C-alpha atoms as a PDB file:
ATOM      1  CA  MET A   1      85.685 -47.011 -17.351  1.00  0.00           C
ATOM      2  CA  PHE A   2      82.507 -47.783 -15.447  1.00  0.00           C
ATOM      3  CA  ARG A   3      79.215 -46.989 -17.209  1.00  0.00           C
ATOM      4  CA  THR A   4      75.743 -47.273 -15.800  1.00  0.00           C
ATOM      5  CA  ARG A   5      72.669 -47.941 -17.962  1.00  0.00           C
ATOM      6  CA  LEU A   6      69.432 -46.908 -16.299  1.00  0.00           C
ATOM      7  CA  PRO A   7      65.964 -48.217 -17.234  1.00  0.00           C
ATOM      8  CA  MET A   8      64.052 -46.146 -19.810  1.00  0.00           C
ATOM      9  CA  THR A   9      60.862 -45.951 -17.801  1.00  0.00           C
ATOM     10  CA  GLY A  10      59.934 -42.398 -16.796  1.00  0.00           C
ATOM     11  CA  LEU A  11      63.109 -40.804 -18.341  1.00  0.00           C
ATOM     12  CA  ALA A  12      63.467 -38.945 -21.567  1.00  0.00           C
ATOM     13  CA  PRO A  13      66.348 -39.854 -23.966  1.00  0.00           C
ATOM     14  CA  LEU A  14      69.160 -37.533 -24.743  1.00  0.00           C
ATOM     15  CA  ALA A  15      69.029 -35.186 -27.631  1.00  0.00           C
ATOM     16  CA  ASP A  16      71.206 -37.501 -29.737  1.00  0.00           C
ATOM     17  CA  GLY A  17      68.714 -40.325 -29.343  1.00  0.00           C
ATOM     18  CA  SER A  18      70.834 -42.397 -26.948  1.00  0.00           C
ATOM     19  CA  ASP A  19      69.511 -43.656 -23.668  1.00  0.00           C
ATOM     20  CA  ASP A  20      72.755 -43.400 -21.709  1.00  0.00           C
ATOM     21  CA  ARG A  21      72.784 -41.517 -18.417  1.00  0.00           C
ATOM     22  CA  LEU A  22      75.639 -40.987 -15.985  1.00  0.00           C
ATOM     23  CA  ASP A  23      74.760 -41.958 -12.454  1.00  0.00           C
ATOM     24  CA  ASP A  24      77.011 -41.193  -9.549  1.00  0.00           C
ATOM     25  CA  SER A  25      74.800 -43.059  -7.109  1.00  0.00           C
ATOM     26  CA  SER A  26      75.226 -46.727  -6.299  1.00  0.00           C
ATOM     27  CA  ASP A  27      72.504 -49.097  -7.500  1.00  0.00           C
ATOM     28  CA  ASP A  28      72.681 -52.797  -6.876  1.00  0.00           C
ATOM     29  CA  ARG A  29      70.390 -53.333  -9.855  1.00  0.00           C
ATOM     30  CA  ALA A  30      72.662 -51.364 -12.208  1.00  0.00           C
ATOM     31  CA  ASP A  31      74.456 -53.251 -14.963  1.00  0.00           C
ATOM     32  CA  HIS A  32      78.191 -52.522 -14.422  1.00  0.00           C
ATOM     33  CA  ARG A  33      80.711 -53.365 -17.093  1.00  0.00           C
ATOM     34  CA  PHE A  34      84.486 -52.863 -17.268  1.00  0.00           C
ATOM     35  CA  ASP A  35      85.447 -51.600 -20.627  1.00  0.00           C
ATOM     36  CA  GLY A  36      89.003 -52.631 -21.321  1.00  0.00           C
ATOM     37  CA  GLY A  37      89.098 -50.973 -24.663  1.00  0.00           C
ATOM     38  CA  SER A  38      90.057 -53.123 -27.648  1.00  0.00           C
ATOM     39  CA  GLY A  39      90.860 -56.077 -25.443  1.00  0.00           C
ATOM     40  CA  GLY A  40      87.137 -56.686 -24.869  1.00  0.00           C
ATOM     41  CA  GLY A  41      86.940 -58.738 -28.034  1.00  0.00           C
ATOM     42  CA  SER A  42      83.701 -60.047 -29.444  1.00  0.00           C
ATOM     43  CA  GLY A  43      82.260 -60.913 -26.021  1.00  0.00           C
ATOM     44  CA  GLY A  44      81.846 -57.285 -25.047  1.00  0.00           C
ATOM     45  CA  GLY A  45      80.463 -56.366 -28.421  1.00  0.00           C
ATOM     46  CA  SER A  46      77.788 -59.039 -28.346  1.00  0.00           C
ATOM     47  CA  GLY A  47      76.653 -57.945 -24.852  1.00  0.00           C
ATOM     48  CA  ASP A  48      76.146 -54.414 -26.056  1.00  0.00           C
ATOM     49  CA  ALA A  49      74.304 -55.598 -29.099  1.00  0.00           C
ATOM     50  CA  ASP A  50      71.965 -57.758 -27.031  1.00  0.00           C
ATOM     51  CA  ARG A  51      71.117 -54.870 -24.780  1.00  0.00           C
ATOM     52  CA  ALA A  52      70.590 -52.556 -27.705  1.00  0.00           C
ATOM     53  CA  ALA A  53      68.199 -55.065 -29.216  1.00  0.00           C
ATOM     54  CA  GLN A  54      66.201 -55.338 -25.970  1.00  0.00           C
ATOM     55  CA  ALA A  55      65.950 -51.589 -25.370  1.00  0.00           C
ATOM     56  CA  PRO A  56      62.703 -49.996 -26.686  1.00  0.00           C
ATOM     57  CA  ALA A  57      63.018 -47.782 -29.704  1.00  0.00           C
ATOM     58  CA  PRO A  58      62.886 -44.079 -28.978  1.00  0.00           C
ATOM     59  CA  ASP A  59      59.492 -42.510 -29.656  1.00  0.00           C
ATOM     60  CA  ASP A  60      58.769 -38.927 -30.573  1.00  0.00           C
ATOM     61  CA  ASP A  61      56.396 -38.604 -27.587  1.00  0.00           C
ATOM     62  CA  ASP A  62      59.187 -39.723 -25.254  1.00  0.00           C
ATOM     63  CA  ARG A  63      61.100 -36.583 -26.097  1.00  0.00           C
ATOM     64  CA  THR A  64      58.630 -34.427 -24.078  1.00  0.00           C
ATOM     65  CA  PRO A  65      60.426 -32.581 -21.292  1.00  0.00           C
ATOM     66  CA  LEU A  66      60.247 -34.131 -17.883  1.00  0.00           C
ATOM     67  CA  MET A  67      58.209 -31.290 -16.328  1.00  0.00           C
ATOM     68  CA  ALA A  68      55.587 -31.526 -19.075  1.00  0.00           C
ATOM     69  CA  LEU A  69      55.214 -35.241 -18.400  1.00  0.00           C
ATOM     70  CA  MET A  70      54.689 -34.572 -14.708  1.00  0.00           C
ATOM     71  CA  LEU A  71      52.090 -31.870 -15.307  1.00  0.00           C
ATOM     72  CA  GLY A  72      50.194 -34.026 -17.777  1.00  0.00           C
ATOM     73  CA  GLY A  73      50.053 -36.944 -15.417  1.00  0.00           C
ATOM     74  CA  LEU A  74      50.554 -37.210 -11.700  1.00  0.00           C
ATOM     75  CA  GLY A  75      51.408 -33.528 -11.298  1.00  0.00           C
ATOM     76  CA  ALA A  76      48.044 -32.336 -12.685  1.00  0.00           C
ATOM     77  CA  GLY A  77      46.221 -34.901 -10.634  1.00  0.00           C
ATOM     78  CA  ALA A  78      47.891 -33.737  -7.463  1.00  0.00           C
ATOM     79  CA  MET A  79      47.066 -30.144  -8.266  1.00  0.00           C
ATOM     80  CA  ALA A  80      43.458 -31.088  -8.951  1.00  0.00           C
ATOM     81  CA  ALA A  81      43.214 -32.970  -5.703  1.00  0.00           C
ATOM     82  CA  GLY A  82      44.521 -29.999  -3.807  1.00  0.00           C
ATOM     83  CA  HIS A  83      42.018 -27.710  -5.487  1.00  0.00           C
ATOM     84  CA  ALA A  84      39.134 -30.009  -4.619  1.00  0.00           C
ATOM     85  CA  GLY A  85      40.172 -30.304  -1.028  1.00  0.00           C
ATOM     86  CA  GLY A  86      41.265 -33.927  -0.942  1.00  0.00           C
ATOM     87  CA  ALA A  87      42.619 -36.868  -2.915  1.00  0.00           C
ATOM     88  CA  ALA A  88      39.194 -38.511  -3.062  1.00  0.00           C
ATOM     89  CA  ALA A  89      38.022 -35.843  -5.468  1.00  0.00           C
ATOM     90  CA  MET A  90      41.022 -36.242  -7.768  1.00  0.00           C
ATOM     91  CA  PRO A  91      39.598 -38.840 -10.233  1.00  0.00           C
ATOM     92  CA  ALA A  92      36.515 -36.715 -10.907  1.00  0.00           C
ATOM     93  CA  LEU A  93      38.574 -33.600 -11.403  1.00  0.00           C
ATOM     94  CA  ILE A  94      40.978 -35.347 -13.725  1.00  0.00           C
ATOM     95  CA  ALA A  95      38.039 -36.664 -15.721  1.00  0.00           C
ATOM     96  CA  GLY A  96      37.025 -33.063 -16.240  1.00  0.00           C
ATOM     97  CA  GLY A  97      33.241 -33.485 -16.292  1.00  0.00           C
ATOM     98  CA  PRO A  98      30.843 -33.985 -19.190  1.00  0.00           C
ATOM     99  CA  GLY A  99      31.331 -32.911 -22.758  1.00  0.00           C
ATOM    100  CA  ASP A 100      34.625 -32.785 -24.595  1.00  0.00           C
ATOM    101  CA  ALA A 101      36.745 -31.867 -21.588  1.00  0.00           C
ATOM    102  CA  LYS A 102      40.202 -33.311 -21.833  1.00  0.00           C
ATOM    103  CA  PRO A 103      41.715 -35.477 -19.101  1.00  0.00           C
ATOM    104  CA  GLY A 104      43.442 -33.402 -16.510  1.00  0.00           C
ATOM    105  CA  ALA A 105      41.318 -30.260 -17.073  1.00  0.00           C
ATOM    106  CA  LEU A 106      39.751 -28.694 -13.987  1.00  0.00           C
ATOM    107  CA  PRO A 107      35.980 -28.195 -14.300  1.00  0.00           C
ATOM    108  CA  LEU A 108      34.424 -24.760 -13.768  1.00  0.00           C
ATOM    109  CA  PRO A 109      32.543 -24.402 -10.455  1.00  0.00           C
ATOM    110  CA  VAL A 110      28.776 -24.731 -10.754  1.00  0.00           C
ATOM    111  CA  VAL A 111      26.854 -22.212  -8.619  1.00  0.00           C
ATOM    112  CA  PRO A 112      23.317 -23.464  -7.976  1.00  0.00           C
ATOM    113  CA  ALA A 113      20.449 -21.009  -8.325  1.00  0.00           C
ATOM    114  CA  ARG A 114      18.878 -19.738  -5.128  1.00  0.00           C
ATOM    115  CA  PRO A 115      15.782 -21.783  -4.332  1.00  0.00           C
ATOM    116  CA  HIS A 116      13.441 -18.821  -4.717  1.00  0.00           C
ATOM    117  CA  GLU A 117      14.892 -18.191  -8.169  1.00  0.00           C
ATOM    118  CA  ALA A 118      14.459 -21.853  -9.045  1.00  0.00           C
ATOM    119  CA  ALA A 119      10.867 -21.688  -7.870  1.00  0.00           C
ATOM    120  CA  MET A 120      10.243 -18.889 -10.336  1.00  0.00           C
ATOM    121  CA  GLU A 121      11.228 -21.256 -13.152  1.00  0.00           C
ATOM    122  CA  GLY A 122       9.287 -24.262 -11.990  1.00  0.00           C
ATOM    123  CA  GLY A 123      11.583 -25.507  -9.233  1.00  0.00           C
ATOM    124  CA  THR A 124      10.242 -27.404  -6.254  1.00  0.00           C
ATOM    125  CA  PRO A 125      10.153 -25.319  -3.054  1.00  0.00           C
ATOM    126  CA  SER A 126      11.827 -26.894  -0.056  1.00  0.00           C
ATOM    127  CA  THR A 127       9.610 -25.330   2.614  1.00  0.00           C
ATOM    128  CA  ALA A 128       6.104 -23.925   2.968  1.00  0.00           C
ATOM    129  CA  THR A 129       5.119 -20.838   0.998  1.00  0.00           C
ATOM    130  CA  ALA A 130       3.886 -17.816   2.952  1.00  0.00           C
ATOM    131  CA  VAL A 131       0.328 -16.503   2.640  1.00  0.00           C
ATOM    132  CA  LEU A 132      -0.252 -12.827   1.793  1.00  0.00           C
ATOM    133  CA  GLY A 133      -3.221 -10.557   2.409  1.00  0.00           C
ATOM    134  CA  LEU A 134      -4.109  -6.875   2.645  1.00  0.00           C
ATOM    135  CA  GLN A 135      -4.894  -5.254   5.950  1.00  0.00           C
ATOM    136  CA  ARG A 136      -7.837  -3.447   4.366  1.00  0.00           C
ATOM    137  CA  ILE A 137      -9.745  -4.054   1.136  1.00  0.00           C
ATOM    138  CA  ALA A 138     -12.162  -1.262   0.251  1.00  0.00           C
ATOM    139  CA  ALA A 139     -13.473  -2.520  -3.082  1.00  0.00           C
ATOM    140  CA  THR A 140     -12.526  -4.272  -6.307  1.00  0.00           C
ATOM    141  CA  ALA A 141     -10.755  -2.321  -9.022  1.00  0.00           C
ATOM    142  CA  PRO A 142     -12.084  -2.449 -12.607  1.00  0.00           C
ATOM    143  CA  ASP A 143      -9.379  -4.964 -13.517  1.00  0.00           C
ATOM    144  CA  GLY A 144     -10.541  -7.315 -10.747  1.00  0.00           C
ATOM    145  CA  ARG A 145      -7.718  -6.659  -8.296  1.00  0.00           C
ATOM    146  CA  PRO A 146      -8.341  -5.544  -4.702  1.00  0.00           C
ATOM    147  CA  LEU A 147      -8.537  -1.773  -4.259  1.00  0.00           C
ATOM    148  CA  THR A 148      -7.272  -0.192  -1.065  1.00  0.00           C
ATOM    149  CA  ASN A 149      -5.941   3.029   0.380  1.00  0.00           C
ATOM    150  CA  ASP A 150      -3.748   1.106   2.849  1.00  0.00           C
ATOM    151  CA  GLY A 151      -0.811  -0.772   1.332  1.00  0.00           C
ATOM    152  CA  THR A 152      -0.062  -2.750   4.495  1.00  0.00           C
ATOM    153  CA  VAL A 153       0.513  -6.404   3.506  1.00  0.00           C
ATOM    154  CA  LEU A 154      -0.040  -9.105   6.120  1.00  0.00           C
ATOM    155  CA  VAL A 155       2.286 -12.129   5.910  1.00  0.00           C
ATOM    156  CA  SER A 156       1.161 -15.384   7.524  1.00  0.00           C
ATOM    157  CA  GLY A 157       2.301 -19.006   7.433  1.00  0.00           C
ATOM    158  CA  LEU A 158       5.855 -18.056   8.407  1.00  0.00           C
ATOM    159  CA  GLU A 159       8.287 -20.715   9.604  1.00  0.00           C
ATOM    160  CA  PRO A 160       9.292 -20.561  13.294  1.00  0.00           C
ATOM    161  CA  ASN A 161      12.748 -19.048  13.787  1.00  0.00           C
ATOM    162  CA  GLY A 162      12.971 -18.446  10.041  1.00  0.00           C
ATOM    163  CA  ARG A 163      13.441 -15.355   7.920  1.00  0.00           C
ATOM    164  CA  TRP A 164      11.549 -13.869   4.986  1.00  0.00           C
ATOM    165  CA  TRP A 165      12.084 -11.328   2.223  1.00  0.00           C
ATOM    166  CA  TYR A 166       9.839  -9.220   0.014  1.00  0.00           C
ATOM    167  CA  SER A 167      10.159  -7.444  -3.328  1.00  0.00           C
ATOM    168  CA  PHE A 168       7.993  -4.838  -5.047  1.00  0.00           C
ATOM    169  CA  ASP A 169      10.062  -4.739  -8.285  1.00  0.00           C
ATOM    170  CA  ASP A 170       9.582  -8.230  -9.736  1.00  0.00           C
ATOM    171  CA  GLY A 171      12.457  -9.687  -7.731  1.00  0.00           C
ATOM    172  CA  ALA A 172      15.114  -7.196  -8.807  1.00  0.00           C
ATOM    173  CA  THR A 173      15.768  -6.263  -5.172  1.00  0.00           C
ATOM    174  CA  TRP A 174      14.808  -8.030  -1.954  1.00  0.00           C
ATOM    175  CA  THR A 175      14.325  -6.609   1.534  1.00  0.00           C
ATOM    176  CA  GLN A 176      14.268  -8.709   4.680  1.00  0.00           C
ATOM    177  CA  GLY A 177      10.901  -8.497   6.386  1.00  0.00           C
ATOM    178  CA  GLU A 178      10.196  -7.910  10.042  1.00  0.00           C
ATOM    179  CA  ALA A 179       7.381  -9.133  12.289  1.00  0.00           C
ATOM    180  CA  ALA A 180       4.545 -10.416  10.095  1.00  0.00           C
ATOM    181  CA  SER A 181       3.669  -7.494   7.822  1.00  0.00           C
ATOM    182  CA  ILE A 182       5.027  -5.072   5.250  1.00  0.00           C
ATOM    183  CA  PRO A 183       4.308  -1.454   6.264  1.00  0.00           C
ATOM    184  CA  GLY A 184       1.954   0.480   4.004  1.00  0.00           C
ATOM    185  CA  ARG A 185       4.555   3.196   3.483  1.00  0.00           C
ATOM    186  CA  VAL A 186       6.661   0.758   1.419  1.00  0.00           C
ATOM    187  CA  ALA A 187       3.995   0.366  -1.257  1.00  0.00           C
ATOM    188  CA  ALA A 188       3.088   4.065  -1.046  1.00  0.00           C
ATOM    189  CA  ALA A 189       6.689   5.156  -1.635  1.00  0.00           C
ATOM    190  CA  THR A 190       6.260   4.758  -5.402  1.00  0.00           C
ATOM    191  CA  GLY A 191       2.868   6.472  -5.556  1.00  0.00           C
ATOM    192  CA  ASP A 192      -0.621   5.233  -6.328  1.00  0.00           C
ATOM    193  CA  GLY A 193      -1.429   2.594  -8.900  1.00  0.00           C
ATOM    194  CA  PRO A 194      -1.069  -1.159  -9.467  1.00  0.00           C
ATOM    195  CA  LYS A 195       1.241  -2.983  -7.058  1.00  0.00           C
ATOM    196  CA  GLN A 196       2.650  -6.501  -6.983  1.00  0.00           C
ATOM    197  CA  VAL A 197       4.579  -7.895  -4.035  1.00  0.00           C
ATOM    198  CA  ARG A 198       6.543 -11.152  -3.861  1.00  0.00           C
ATOM    199  CA  VAL A 199       7.537 -12.920  -0.651  1.00  0.00           C
ATOM    200  CA  TYR A 200       9.672 -15.989   0.036  1.00  0.00           C
ATOM    201  CA  GLN A 201      10.903 -17.421   3.323  1.00  0.00           C
ATOM    202  CA  SER A 202      13.580 -19.743   4.708  1.00  0.00           C
ATOM    203  CA  ASP A 203      13.340 -21.965   7.756  1.00  0.00           C
ATOM    204  CA  ALA A 204      15.904 -22.347  10.534  1.00  0.00           C
ATOM    205  CA  ALA A 205      17.816 -24.954   8.494  1.00  0.00           C
ATOM    206  CA  GLY A 206      18.118 -22.644   5.495  1.00  0.00           C
ATOM    207  CA  HIS A 207      15.521 -24.326   3.260  1.00  0.00           C
ATOM    208  CA  GLU A 208      13.830 -21.728   1.079  1.00  0.00           C
ATOM    209  CA  SER A 209      10.250 -21.665  -0.122  1.00  0.00           C
ATOM    210  CA  GLY A 210       8.681 -20.697  -3.396  1.00  0.00           C
ATOM    211  CA  GLN A 211       7.355 -17.207  -3.895  1.00  0.00           C
ATOM    212  CA  ALA A 212       3.965 -15.978  -2.761  1.00  0.00           C
ATOM    213  CA  GLU A 213       2.559 -13.138  -4.876  1.00  0.00           C
ATOM    214  CA  LEU A 214      -0.135 -10.547  -4.256  1.00  0.00           C
ATOM    215  CA  ALA A 215      -1.389  -7.954  -6.750  1.00  0.00           C
ATOM    216  CA  PHE A 216      -3.533  -4.982  -5.749  1.00  0.00           C
ATOM    217  CA  VAL A 217      -4.303  -1.359  -6.621  1.00  0.00           C
ATOM    218  CA  LEU A 218      -3.283   1.369  -4.196  1.00  0.00           C
ATOM    219  CA  ASP A 219      -5.222   4.663  -4.101  1.00  0.00           C
ATOM    220  CA  THR A 220      -4.317   7.122  -1.344  1.00  0.00           C
ATOM    221  CA  THR A 221      -5.521  10.309  -3.057  1.00  0.00           C
ATOM    222  CA  PRO A 222      -8.616  11.850  -1.392  1.00  0.00           C
ATOM    223  CA  PRO A 223     -11.407  13.178  -3.578  1.00  0.00           C
ATOM    224  CA  ALA A 224     -12.385  16.841  -3.786  1.00  0.00           C
ATOM    225  CA  TRP A 225     -14.502  18.194  -0.949  1.00  0.00           C
ATOM    226  CA  PRO A 226     -18.207  18.869  -1.510  1.00  0.00           C
ATOM    227  CA  ARG A 227     -20.122  22.071  -0.740  1.00  0.00           C
ATOM    228  CA  ILE A 228     -23.073  22.335   1.640  1.00  0.00           C
ATOM    229  CA  SER A 229     -25.344  25.336   2.163  1.00  0.00           C
ATOM    230  CA  LEU A 230     -28.759  26.392   3.444  1.00  0.00           C
ATOM    231  CA  VAL A 231     -31.645  26.145   1.062  1.00  0.00           C
ATOM    232  CA  ASN A 232     -33.455  29.084   2.653  1.00  0.00           C
ATOM    233  CA  ASP A 233     -31.794  31.618   4.908  1.00  0.00           C
ATOM    234  CA  THR A 234     -34.829  33.289   6.516  1.00  0.00           C
ATOM    235  CA  GLY A 235     -32.988  35.837   8.640  1.00  0.00           C
ATOM    236  CA  LEU A 236     -32.789  39.554   8.072  1.00  0.00           C
ATOM    237  CA  SER A 237     -29.760  38.871   5.894  1.00  0.00           C
ATOM    238  CA  ALA A 238     -29.635  36.153   3.274  1.00  0.00           C
ATOM    239  CA  THR A 239     -26.121  35.241   4.396  1.00  0.00           C
ATOM    240  CA  ASP A 240     -26.176  35.505   8.177  1.00  0.00           C
ATOM    241  CA  GLY A 241     -27.039  31.826   8.731  1.00  0.00           C
ATOM    242  CA  ILE A 242     -29.971  32.636  11.003  1.00  0.00           C
ATOM    243  CA  THR A 243     -32.955  30.666   9.861  1.00  0.00           C
ATOM    244  CA  THR A 244     -36.084  28.871  10.821  1.00  0.00           C
ATOM    245  CA  ASP A 245     -35.621  26.442   7.935  1.00  0.00           C
ATOM    246  CA  PRO A 246     -32.661  24.036   8.412  1.00  0.00           C
ATOM    247  CA  ARG A 247     -32.954  22.327   5.006  1.00  0.00           C
ATOM    248  CA  MET A 248     -29.602  22.017   3.220  1.00  0.00           C
ATOM    249  CA  ARG A 249     -28.258  21.039  -0.195  1.00  0.00           C
ATOM    250  CA  ILE A 250     -24.977  19.317  -1.069  1.00  0.00           C
ATOM    251  CA  ASP A 251     -23.220  20.437  -4.279  1.00  0.00           C
ATOM    252  CA  ARG A 252     -20.026  19.500  -6.146  1.00  0.00           C
ATOM    253  CA  ARG A 253     -20.556  15.869  -5.375  1.00  0.00           C
ATOM    254  CA  ASP A 254     -18.506  13.184  -7.170  1.00  0.00           C
ATOM    255  CA  PRO A 255     -20.978  10.520  -8.349  1.00  0.00           C
ATOM    256  CA  THR A 256     -18.414   7.769  -7.755  1.00  0.00           C
ATOM    257  CA  THR A 257     -18.200   8.607  -4.049  1.00  0.00           C
ATOM    258  CA  THR A 258     -20.430   8.164  -1.021  1.00  0.00           C
ATOM    259  CA  LEU A 259     -21.415  10.854   1.479  1.00  0.00           C
ATOM    260  CA  GLU A 260     -21.075  10.989   5.234  1.00  0.00           C
ATOM    261  CA  LEU A 261     -22.577  13.578   7.595  1.00  0.00           C
ATOM    262  CA  SER A 262     -21.782  14.743  11.105  1.00  0.00           C
ATOM    263  CA  ILE A 263     -23.938  17.028  13.256  1.00  0.00           C
ATOM    264  CA  ASN A 264     -22.493  19.118  16.073  1.00  0.00           C
ATOM    265  CA  GLY A 265     -19.222  17.173  16.188  1.00  0.00           C
ATOM    266  CA  GLY A 266     -20.809  13.726  16.368  1.00  0.00           C
ATOM    267  CA  ALA A 267     -19.658  10.639  14.507  1.00  0.00           C
ATOM    268  CA  PHE A 268     -19.976  10.607  10.734  1.00  0.00           C
ATOM    269  CA  PHE A 269     -22.793   8.464   9.337  1.00  0.00           C
ATOM    270  CA  PRO A 270     -23.572   7.464   5.748  1.00  0.00           C
ATOM    271  CA  TRP A 271     -25.895   9.652   3.749  1.00  0.00           C
ATOM    272  CA  THR A 272     -27.443   9.191   0.329  1.00  0.00           C
ATOM    273  CA  GLY A 273     -28.744  11.897  -1.939  1.00  0.00           C
ATOM    274  CA  ASP A 274     -27.946  15.547  -2.285  1.00  0.00           C
ATOM    275  CA  ASP A 275     -30.661  16.955  -0.011  1.00  0.00           C
ATOM    276  CA  VAL A 276     -30.648  17.169   3.787  1.00  0.00           C
ATOM    277  CA  PRO A 277     -34.233  17.526   5.110  1.00  0.00           C
ATOM    278  CA  ALA A 278     -35.392  19.667   8.024  1.00  0.00           C
ATOM    279  CA  SER A 279     -36.555  16.555   9.844  1.00  0.00           C
ATOM    280  CA  LEU A 280     -32.945  15.706  10.587  1.00  0.00           C
ATOM    281  CA  PHE A 281     -32.869  18.699  12.955  1.00  0.00           C
ATOM    282  CA  ASP A 282     -36.225  18.281  14.673  1.00  0.00           C
ATOM    283  CA  GLN A 283     -34.755  18.137  18.146  1.00  0.00           C
ATOM    284  CA  LEU A 284     -32.280  20.947  17.667  1.00  0.00           C
ATOM    285  CA  GLN A 285     -32.429  24.611  18.484  1.00  0.00           C
ATOM    286  CA  GLY A 286     -29.833  27.337  18.456  1.00  0.00           C
ATOM    287  CA  PRO A 287     -26.313  26.902  17.002  1.00  0.00           C
ATOM    288  CA  VAL A 288     -25.910  23.910  14.678  1.00  0.00           C
ATOM    289  CA  ILE A 289     -22.771  22.762  12.871  1.00  0.00           C
ATOM    290  CA  VAL A 290     -23.091  20.300   9.980  1.00  0.00           C
ATOM    291  CA  ALA A 291     -20.035  18.658   8.363  1.00  0.00           C
ATOM    292  CA  VAL A 292     -20.038  16.585   5.181  1.00  0.00           C
ATOM    293  CA  VAL A 293     -17.341  14.475   3.501  1.00  0.00           C
ATOM    294  CA  GLN A 294     -17.342  12.298   0.436  1.00  0.00           C
ATOM    295  CA  VAL A 295     -15.452   9.005   0.412  1.00  0.00           C
ATOM    296  CA  ASP A 296     -14.073   7.425  -2.759  1.00  0.00           C
ATOM    297  CA  ALA A 297     -14.083   3.734  -3.657  1.00  0.00           C
ATOM    298  CA  ALA A 298     -10.686   3.164  -2.038  1.00  0.00           C
ATOM    299  CA  GLY A 299     -11.891   4.575   1.295  1.00  0.00           C
ATOM    300  CA  ASN A 300     -10.216   7.968   1.104  1.00  0.00           C
ATOM    301  CA  PRO A 301     -12.320  10.724   2.762  1.00  0.00           C
ATOM    302  CA  SER A 302     -12.270  14.256   1.446  1.00  0.00           C
ATOM    303  CA  ILE A 303     -11.568  17.284   3.586  1.00  0.00           C
ATOM    304  CA  PRO A 304     -14.754  17.961   5.596  1.00  0.00           C
ATOM    305  CA  THR A 305     -16.892  20.895   4.545  1.00  0.00           C
ATOM    306  CA  THR A 306     -18.894  22.586   7.312  1.00  0.00           C
ATOM    307  CA  VAL A 307     -21.773  24.982   7.565  1.00  0.00           C
ATOM    308  CA  ARG A 308     -22.801  26.869  10.708  1.00  0.00           C
ATOM    309  CA  ILE A 309     -26.367  28.030  11.242  1.00  0.00           C
ATOM    310  CA  GLU A 310     -28.496  29.523  13.986  1.00  0.00           C
ATOM    311  CA  LEU A 311     -31.684  27.573  14.112  1.00  0.00           C
ATOM    312  CA  ASP A 312     -34.561  29.509  15.672  1.00  0.00           C
ATOM    313  CA  ARG A 313     -37.872  27.695  15.698  1.00  0.00           C
ATOM    314  CA  ASP A 314     -39.605  29.900  18.307  1.00  0.00           C
ATOM    315  CA  TRP A 315     -42.088  32.512  17.194  1.00  0.00           C
ATOM    316  CA  PRO A 316     -41.775  35.817  19.040  1.00  0.00           C
ATOM    317  CA  GLN A 317     -44.402  36.597  21.694  1.00  0.00           C
ATOM    318  CA  PRO A 318     -47.007  39.239  20.695  1.00  0.00           C
ATOM    319  CA  PRO A 319     -46.661  42.634  22.460  1.00  0.00           C
ATOM    320  CA  HIS A 320     -48.774  43.331  25.564  1.00  0.00           C
ATOM    321  CA  LEU A 321     -51.013  46.382  25.369  1.00  0.00           C
ATOM    322  CA  GLU A 322     -52.988  48.108  28.160  1.00  0.00           C
ATOM    323  CA  LEU A 323     -54.397  51.555  28.850  1.00  0.00           C
ATOM    324  CA  ALA A 324     -52.465  53.923  31.037  1.00  0.00           C
ATOM    325  CA  THR A 325     -54.105  55.241  34.268  1.00  0.00           C
ATOM    326  CA  ALA A 326     -53.371  58.192  36.530  1.00  0.00           C
ATOM    327  CA  ALA A 327     -51.968  55.817  39.071  1.00  0.00           C
ATOM    328  CA  MET A 328     -49.252  54.787  36.764  1.00  0.00           C
ATOM    329  CA  PRO A 329     -46.099  56.823  37.161  1.00  0.00           C
ATOM    330  CA  ASN A 330     -45.219  59.188  34.348  1.00  0.00           C
ATOM    331  CA  ALA A 331     -48.544  58.455  32.707  1.00  0.00           C
ATOM    332  CA  VAL A 332     -50.180  61.110  30.615  1.00  0.00           C
ATOM    333  CA  LEU A 333     -53.958  61.235  30.600  1.00  0.00           C
ATOM    334  CA  ALA A 334     -55.676  62.034  27.407  1.00  0.00           C
ATOM    335  CA  ALA A 335     -57.975  65.072  27.446  1.00  0.00           C
END
């Protein structure tokens, strides 16, 4: 019968260790022999022996199933190339990356840190960093930070057509900013006390900057209101507010605050000391309203306290006396 012996390359041997395969297809390179049985003589036997001697010895690794060979070689490479999006990436994917990765293993994707996160750990920012400032600074807190009652943060140095974000919780959450400021209500939402805001920006191309930081102390709580009263109420009643002496005294004052006065609805003006002299009212007569507030270091004014008085500086005219005469109607003449 006809027998076809195929090359060993790329094929696994049979389970019995032989390398024979039946092939129904025609192959001009195939080695065809007619086996006439016993009539072949020694010529046929020597041909088979020569071919057996030339054939490579079976190896244990050659017994791997055909599918396993494909997956470990070209098949894995093709899958890797498809995963990477093209054949050009296949060698790198087959290499598997640094370390002890085995050939053919697909590397894990590397997700780069966001630039603002990299900047926190010493990264190099790719665009300019914004500049932060407070809308109002009233004083300096004991720890050296700015003290204010207005948490509005001004943001300058922004990139044209870019975007920016801010965080008041050490970068745990970020909020996209609008215009060029952070409203004061954002800082005030968590109450008074120390605040720290972080801001980063990105330009139109998506390059992100490092973080700008600003620390300050927010105090929006007004102080207690003071008390103001007349020193000497000279009227018929000691509490009617009618007086010829407009001197006043301010009580319940917080020594850490400053005072401001207003007379008859005018603008408030700074005042020092606890006493209000009469000279302040030299040009006034009649009803007078005095308001006083105290302002703390952060700029918070107290509720105004007012006092109303009736200032009467005029002495009454002496009575007019004259003797009655007969010509006067209803007059009575003394005997």
